[in-house]
Amino acid sequence: MRLVIATALTMIAFAANSILTRMAIEGGHIDPSGFAIVRVVSGALILGMIITVRGGSLPLLRRNRIPGALSLAVYLVGFSLAYLTLDAGLGALILFGVVQITMFAHSAMRGTSPSARQITGGAIAFLGLLIALWPGPGGAADPGGAALMIFAGLGWAAYSIIGRNAADPLAATSANFLLCVPILLILLTGTGLRFSITGIALGLVCGGLTSGLGYALWYSVLPRIEAATAAVVQLSVPVIAILAGALILEESIGPIVILATLLVVGGIGWAVTARSAPVGHR
């Protein structure tokens, strides 16, 4: 029962990242650059505190650390900017689909032959993404926001691939967050940063609680569940984000969004339950 509760809380935390970001940025409480900075700083602090309490060390000088920090920065910036125009649920769906499809493609290019089931599932999920991104009425994504979320998804997929073989994923994530702080400060300082108490508070919750503690909880869950199960439970994240966006942010759920969600979630679910399915997280 504790494992089930921990897994459910983790998926809620991942979905909450989209809700909190959309709430802060679309509500005008903070600009996207400022939110990304607050999120990564608070996440680095919380993760660093967890590593300190645990008695571990931060591996800052490892070979993949700079690429990991750069790909994390790409994700954070794209994610924040995308929510200027995207609904929380639709943004989560695009991010989730791009990450999983990219990881499928990477595995295939690395020589892992996908099964017919994986190819079919990936094709269905890709069709769902095309429907979500296709210009037109009925809930299709804003082109600019969609492009930014695709950018964020590619960043997070790269981050997941780089860190896949980390001996201590929590320590690696803590180090990446810490190194990402100066990268974002260099890239985003001077972009007209705008803060408010509400915006900073939402950024602290998103970075420290739903990102930092959410990742820590996820890494405690992962060793106790099978890889296929870990992939499947993540299918709940965009669904939770869509429902929460409708309930909390009063976002509409149109037929196109529903169809795209069914295709993306269903296709990926079909693919990841096959053998050798890749697993990533958001």
Protein backbone atom coordinates (compact mmCIF):
# COMPACT_ATOMS: atom_id res chain seq x y z
CA MET A 1 0.00 0.00 0.00
CA ARG A 2 2.83 2.41 0.80
CA LEU A 3 4.38 1.76 -2.61
CA VAL A 4 1.07 2.49 -4.35
CA ILE A 5 0.64 5.73 -2.39
CA ALA A 6 4.21 6.83 -3.09
CA THR A 7 3.80 6.13 -6.81
CA ALA A 8 0.49 8.01 -6.95
CA LEU A 9 1.97 11.00 -5.13
CA THR A 10 4.88 11.07 -7.58
CA MET A 11 2.62 11.13 -10.63
CA ILE A 12 0.53 13.90 -9.05
CA ALA A 13 3.72 15.86 -8.38
CA PHE A 14 4.85 15.52 -12.01
CA ALA A 15 1.44 16.67 -13.27
CA ALA A 16 1.47 19.53 -10.77
CA ASN A 17 4.58 20.94 -12.44
CA SER A 18 2.43 21.81 -15.45
CA ILE A 19 -0.41 23.22 -13.33
CA LEU A 20 1.87 25.40 -11.20
CA THR A 21 3.84 26.69 -14.18
CA ARG A 22 0.71 27.57 -16.13
CA MET A 23 -0.86 29.18 -13.05
CA ALA A 24 2.19 31.35 -12.39
CA ILE A 25 2.98 32.42 -15.94
CA GLU A 26 -0.43 32.68 -17.58
CA GLY A 27 -1.68 34.44 -14.46
CA GLY A 28 0.96 37.14 -14.91
CA HIS A 29 2.59 36.54 -11.52
CA ILE A 30 6.07 36.00 -12.96
CA ASP A 31 7.74 35.89 -16.36
CA PRO A 32 8.88 32.55 -17.83
CA SER A 33 12.59 33.26 -17.36
CA GLY A 34 12.12 34.24 -13.73
CA PHE A 35 10.02 31.15 -13.07
CA ALA A 36 12.67 28.87 -14.60
CA ILE A 37 15.36 30.44 -12.40
CA VAL A 38 13.29 30.18 -9.20
CA ARG A 39 12.38 26.58 -10.03
CA VAL A 40 15.93 25.40 -10.64
CA VAL A 41 17.38 27.23 -7.63
CA SER A 42 14.76 25.85 -5.24
CA GLY A 43 15.10 22.39 -6.77
CA ALA A 44 18.88 22.49 -6.39
CA LEU A 45 18.57 23.55 -2.74
CA ILE A 46 16.07 20.84 -1.81
CA LEU A 47 17.91 18.08 -3.67
CA GLY A 48 21.22 19.23 -2.21
CA MET A 49 19.73 19.13 1.31
CA ILE A 50 18.44 15.59 0.70
CA ILE A 51 21.89 14.43 -0.45
CA THR A 52 23.52 16.12 2.55
CA VAL A 53 21.13 14.50 5.03
CA ARG A 54 21.61 11.15 3.31
CA GLY A 55 25.36 11.52 3.70
CA GLY A 56 26.26 11.34 0.02
CA SER A 57 28.35 13.57 -2.23
CA LEU A 58 27.52 15.61 -5.32
CA PRO A 59 29.37 14.28 -8.41
CA LEU A 60 29.87 17.65 -10.10
CA LEU A 61 32.86 16.73 -12.27
CA ARG A 62 31.58 13.63 -14.05
CA ARG A 63 31.89 13.26 -17.84
CA ASN A 64 28.20 13.76 -18.66
CA ARG A 65 27.54 16.50 -16.15
CA ILE A 66 27.72 19.53 -18.49
CA PRO A 67 25.57 17.92 -21.23
CA GLY A 68 23.12 16.91 -18.51
CA ALA A 69 22.94 20.42 -17.09
CA LEU A 70 22.57 21.96 -20.57
CA SER A 71 19.76 19.61 -21.55
CA LEU A 72 18.05 20.35 -18.22
CA ALA A 73 18.31 24.07 -19.00
CA VAL A 74 16.74 23.49 -22.44
CA TYR A 75 13.84 21.66 -20.79
CA LEU A 76 13.27 24.31 -18.10
CA VAL A 77 13.33 27.27 -20.49
CA GLY A 78 11.16 25.63 -23.14
CA PHE A 79 8.70 24.34 -20.54
CA SER A 80 8.25 27.76 -18.94
CA LEU A 81 7.93 29.69 -22.21
CA ALA A 82 5.46 27.19 -23.66
CA TYR A 83 2.97 27.84 -20.87
CA LEU A 84 2.50 31.42 -22.00
CA THR A 85 0.03 30.02 -24.52
CA LEU A 86 -0.55 26.29 -23.91
CA ASP A 87 -3.12 24.83 -21.53
CA ALA A 88 -1.53 22.84 -18.72
CA GLY A 89 -2.92 19.48 -19.81
CA LEU A 90 -2.17 19.88 -23.51
CA GLY A 91 1.37 21.00 -22.69
CA ALA A 92 1.92 17.93 -20.51
CA LEU A 93 0.58 15.69 -23.27
CA ILE A 94 2.93 17.17 -25.89
CA LEU A 95 5.91 16.97 -23.54
CA PHE A 96 5.16 13.38 -22.54
CA GLY A 97 4.64 12.24 -26.12
CA VAL A 98 7.81 13.90 -27.43
CA VAL A 99 9.94 12.47 -24.60
CA GLN A 100 8.73 8.90 -25.05
CA ILE A 101 8.84 8.92 -28.87
CA THR A 102 12.35 10.43 -28.82
CA MET A 103 13.54 7.72 -26.45
CA PHE A 104 12.00 5.03 -28.68
CA ALA A 105 13.85 6.49 -31.66
CA HIS A 106 17.13 6.72 -29.74
CA SER A 107 16.93 3.08 -28.71
CA ALA A 108 16.26 2.08 -32.31
CA MET A 109 19.23 4.12 -33.58
CA ARG A 110 21.47 2.52 -30.93
CA GLY A 111 20.76 -0.90 -32.38
CA THR A 112 17.88 -2.07 -30.24
CA SER A 113 15.48 -3.55 -32.78
CA PRO A 114 11.93 -2.43 -31.94
CA SER A 115 9.23 -5.08 -32.02
CA ALA A 116 6.17 -4.80 -34.23
CA ARG A 117 4.20 -3.90 -31.12
CA GLN A 118 6.57 -1.06 -30.24
CA ILE A 119 6.49 0.29 -33.80
CA THR A 120 2.69 0.16 -33.88
CA GLY A 121 2.36 1.82 -30.49
CA GLY A 122 4.86 4.53 -31.39
CA ALA A 123 3.05 5.23 -34.67
CA ILE A 124 -0.30 5.55 -32.86
CA ALA A 125 1.23 7.91 -30.29
CA PHE A 126 2.84 9.99 -33.05
CA LEU A 127 -0.53 10.24 -34.80
CA GLY A 128 -2.02 11.49 -31.55
CA LEU A 129 0.65 14.17 -31.31
CA LEU A 130 0.00 15.25 -34.89
CA ILE A 131 -3.70 15.62 -34.09
CA ALA A 132 -2.90 17.69 -31.00
CA LEU A 133 -0.50 19.91 -32.97
CA TRP A 134 -2.51 20.24 -36.19
CA PRO A 135 -3.56 23.87 -36.80
CA GLY A 136 -7.25 24.55 -36.55
CA PRO A 137 -10.19 24.98 -34.19
CA GLY A 138 -11.34 22.57 -31.52
CA GLY A 139 -8.52 22.78 -29.04
CA ALA A 140 -5.43 22.46 -31.23
CA ALA A 141 -2.21 23.75 -29.69
CA ASP A 142 -0.84 27.23 -30.30
CA PRO A 143 1.98 26.71 -32.86
CA GLY A 144 4.53 28.79 -30.94
CA GLY A 145 3.74 27.19 -27.61
CA ALA A 146 3.73 23.72 -29.15
CA ALA A 147 7.16 24.32 -30.73
CA LEU A 148 8.55 25.42 -27.38
CA MET A 149 7.11 22.36 -25.63
CA ILE A 150 8.58 20.10 -28.30
CA PHE A 151 11.90 21.84 -27.62
CA ALA A 152 11.41 21.15 -23.89
CA GLY A 153 10.53 17.52 -24.60
CA LEU A 154 13.69 17.01 -26.65
CA GLY A 155 15.69 18.57 -23.82
CA TRP A 156 14.15 16.27 -21.21
CA ALA A 157 14.57 13.21 -23.44
CA ALA A 158 18.26 14.07 -23.87
CA TYR A 159 18.56 14.57 -20.12
CA SER A 160 16.95 11.19 -19.45
CA ILE A 161 19.16 9.41 -22.00
CA ILE A 162 22.34 11.02 -20.64
CA GLY A 163 21.50 10.05 -17.08
CA ARG A 164 20.05 6.61 -17.78
CA ASN A 165 23.12 4.74 -16.51
CA ALA A 166 23.85 6.96 -13.52
CA ALA A 167 24.92 4.89 -10.51
CA ASP A 168 23.09 7.28 -8.17
CA PRO A 169 20.29 9.05 -10.13
CA LEU A 170 19.28 11.29 -7.21
CA ALA A 171 22.85 12.55 -6.70
CA ALA A 172 23.25 13.03 -10.46
CA THR A 173 20.01 15.02 -10.64
CA SER A 174 21.09 17.15 -7.68
CA ALA A 175 24.42 17.92 -9.37
CA ASN A 176 22.71 18.74 -12.67
CA PHE A 177 20.28 21.12 -10.98
CA LEU A 178 23.15 22.85 -9.19
CA LEU A 179 25.18 23.26 -12.40
CA CYS A 180 22.08 24.41 -14.26
CA VAL A 181 21.72 27.45 -11.96
CA PRO A 182 24.67 29.46 -13.40
CA ILE A 183 23.74 28.38 -16.94
CA LEU A 184 20.24 29.84 -16.58
CA LEU A 185 21.54 32.96 -14.86
CA ILE A 186 23.92 33.59 -17.76
CA LEU A 187 21.27 32.88 -20.41
CA LEU A 188 18.32 34.65 -18.83
CA THR A 189 19.69 37.60 -16.85
CA GLY A 190 18.83 40.76 -18.72
CA THR A 191 15.70 39.32 -20.34
CA GLY A 192 13.37 41.59 -18.34
CA LEU A 193 12.90 39.38 -15.31
CA ARG A 194 9.69 40.14 -13.42
CA PHE A 195 8.83 38.68 -10.03
CA SER A 196 5.97 38.88 -7.54
CA ILE A 197 5.45 37.21 -4.18
CA THR A 198 2.83 34.89 -5.67
CA GLY A 199 5.03 34.02 -8.64
CA ILE A 200 8.04 33.28 -6.44
CA ALA A 201 5.90 31.16 -4.11
CA LEU A 202 4.57 29.10 -7.03
CA GLY A 203 8.10 28.70 -8.39
CA LEU A 204 9.38 27.54 -4.99
CA VAL A 205 6.61 24.96 -4.70
CA CYS A 206 7.23 23.77 -8.28
CA GLY A 207 11.00 23.58 -7.87
CA GLY A 208 11.34 22.44 -4.28
CA LEU A 209 8.25 20.30 -3.75
CA THR A 210 6.85 18.87 -7.00
CA SER A 211 10.24 18.75 -8.78
CA GLY A 212 12.87 18.27 -6.07
CA LEU A 213 10.95 16.13 -3.60
CA GLY A 214 8.97 14.57 -6.46
CA TYR A 215 12.17 13.31 -8.09
CA ALA A 216 13.49 12.08 -4.74
CA LEU A 217 10.28 10.13 -4.16
CA TRP A 218 10.37 8.71 -7.69
CA TYR A 219 13.93 7.46 -7.28
CA SER A 220 12.89 5.71 -4.06
CA VAL A 221 10.02 4.02 -5.93
CA LEU A 222 11.89 2.97 -9.08
CA PRO A 223 14.02 0.18 -7.54
CA ARG A 224 10.86 -1.49 -6.19
CA ILE A 225 8.87 -1.71 -9.43
CA GLU A 226 9.51 -3.25 -12.83
CA ALA A 227 10.67 -1.09 -15.74
CA ALA A 228 7.46 -1.71 -17.72
CA THR A 229 5.38 -0.76 -14.69
CA ALA A 230 7.39 2.43 -14.22
CA ALA A 231 6.71 3.37 -17.83
CA VAL A 232 3.01 2.54 -17.68
CA VAL A 233 2.27 4.49 -14.48
CA GLN A 234 3.70 7.59 -16.12
CA LEU A 235 0.86 7.42 -18.63
CA SER A 236 -1.28 8.93 -15.88
CA VAL A 237 0.68 12.21 -15.81
CA PRO A 238 -0.86 13.97 -18.86
CA VAL A 239 -4.31 12.63 -17.91
CA ILE A 240 -3.98 14.03 -14.38
CA ALA A 241 -2.72 17.34 -15.80
CA ILE A 242 -5.64 17.60 -18.23
CA LEU A 243 -8.23 16.90 -15.52
CA ALA A 244 -6.53 19.20 -13.01
CA GLY A 245 -6.27 21.94 -15.62
CA ALA A 246 -10.02 21.70 -16.21
CA LEU A 247 -10.86 21.68 -12.50
CA ILE A 248 -8.33 24.19 -11.16
CA LEU A 249 -7.61 26.47 -14.12
CA GLU A 250 -11.01 26.07 -15.85
CA GLU A 251 -9.36 24.95 -19.08
CA SER A 252 -11.63 23.42 -21.68
CA ILE A 253 -11.25 19.80 -22.78
CA GLY A 254 -12.23 19.68 -26.43
CA PRO A 255 -12.81 16.57 -28.54
CA ILE A 256 -9.44 16.97 -30.27
CA VAL A 257 -7.61 16.98 -26.94
CA ILE A 258 -9.55 13.90 -25.81
CA LEU A 259 -8.80 12.03 -29.04
CA ALA A 260 -5.13 13.04 -28.99
CA THR A 261 -4.82 11.96 -25.35
CA LEU A 262 -6.35 8.56 -26.03
CA LEU A 263 -4.02 7.97 -28.98
CA VAL A 264 -0.83 9.20 -27.28
CA VAL A 265 -1.45 7.47 -23.95
CA GLY A 266 -2.85 4.32 -25.56
CA GLY A 267 -0.08 4.07 -28.15
CA ILE A 268 2.71 4.55 -25.64
CA GLY A 269 1.04 2.18 -23.21
CA TRP A 270 0.91 -0.48 -25.92
CA ALA A 271 4.56 0.10 -26.82
CA VAL A 272 6.14 0.28 -23.37
CA THR A 273 4.59 -2.97 -22.21
CA ALA A 274 6.51 -4.75 -24.94
CA ARG A 275 10.00 -6.04 -24.23
CA SER A 276 12.97 -3.64 -24.16
CA ALA A 277 10.74 -0.60 -23.82
CA PRO A 278 12.64 2.57 -22.83
CA VAL A 279 11.65 4.44 -19.71
CA GLY A 280 11.95 8.17 -18.99
CA HIS A 281 10.38 10.58 -16.54
CA ARG A 282 9.28 14.26 -16.43
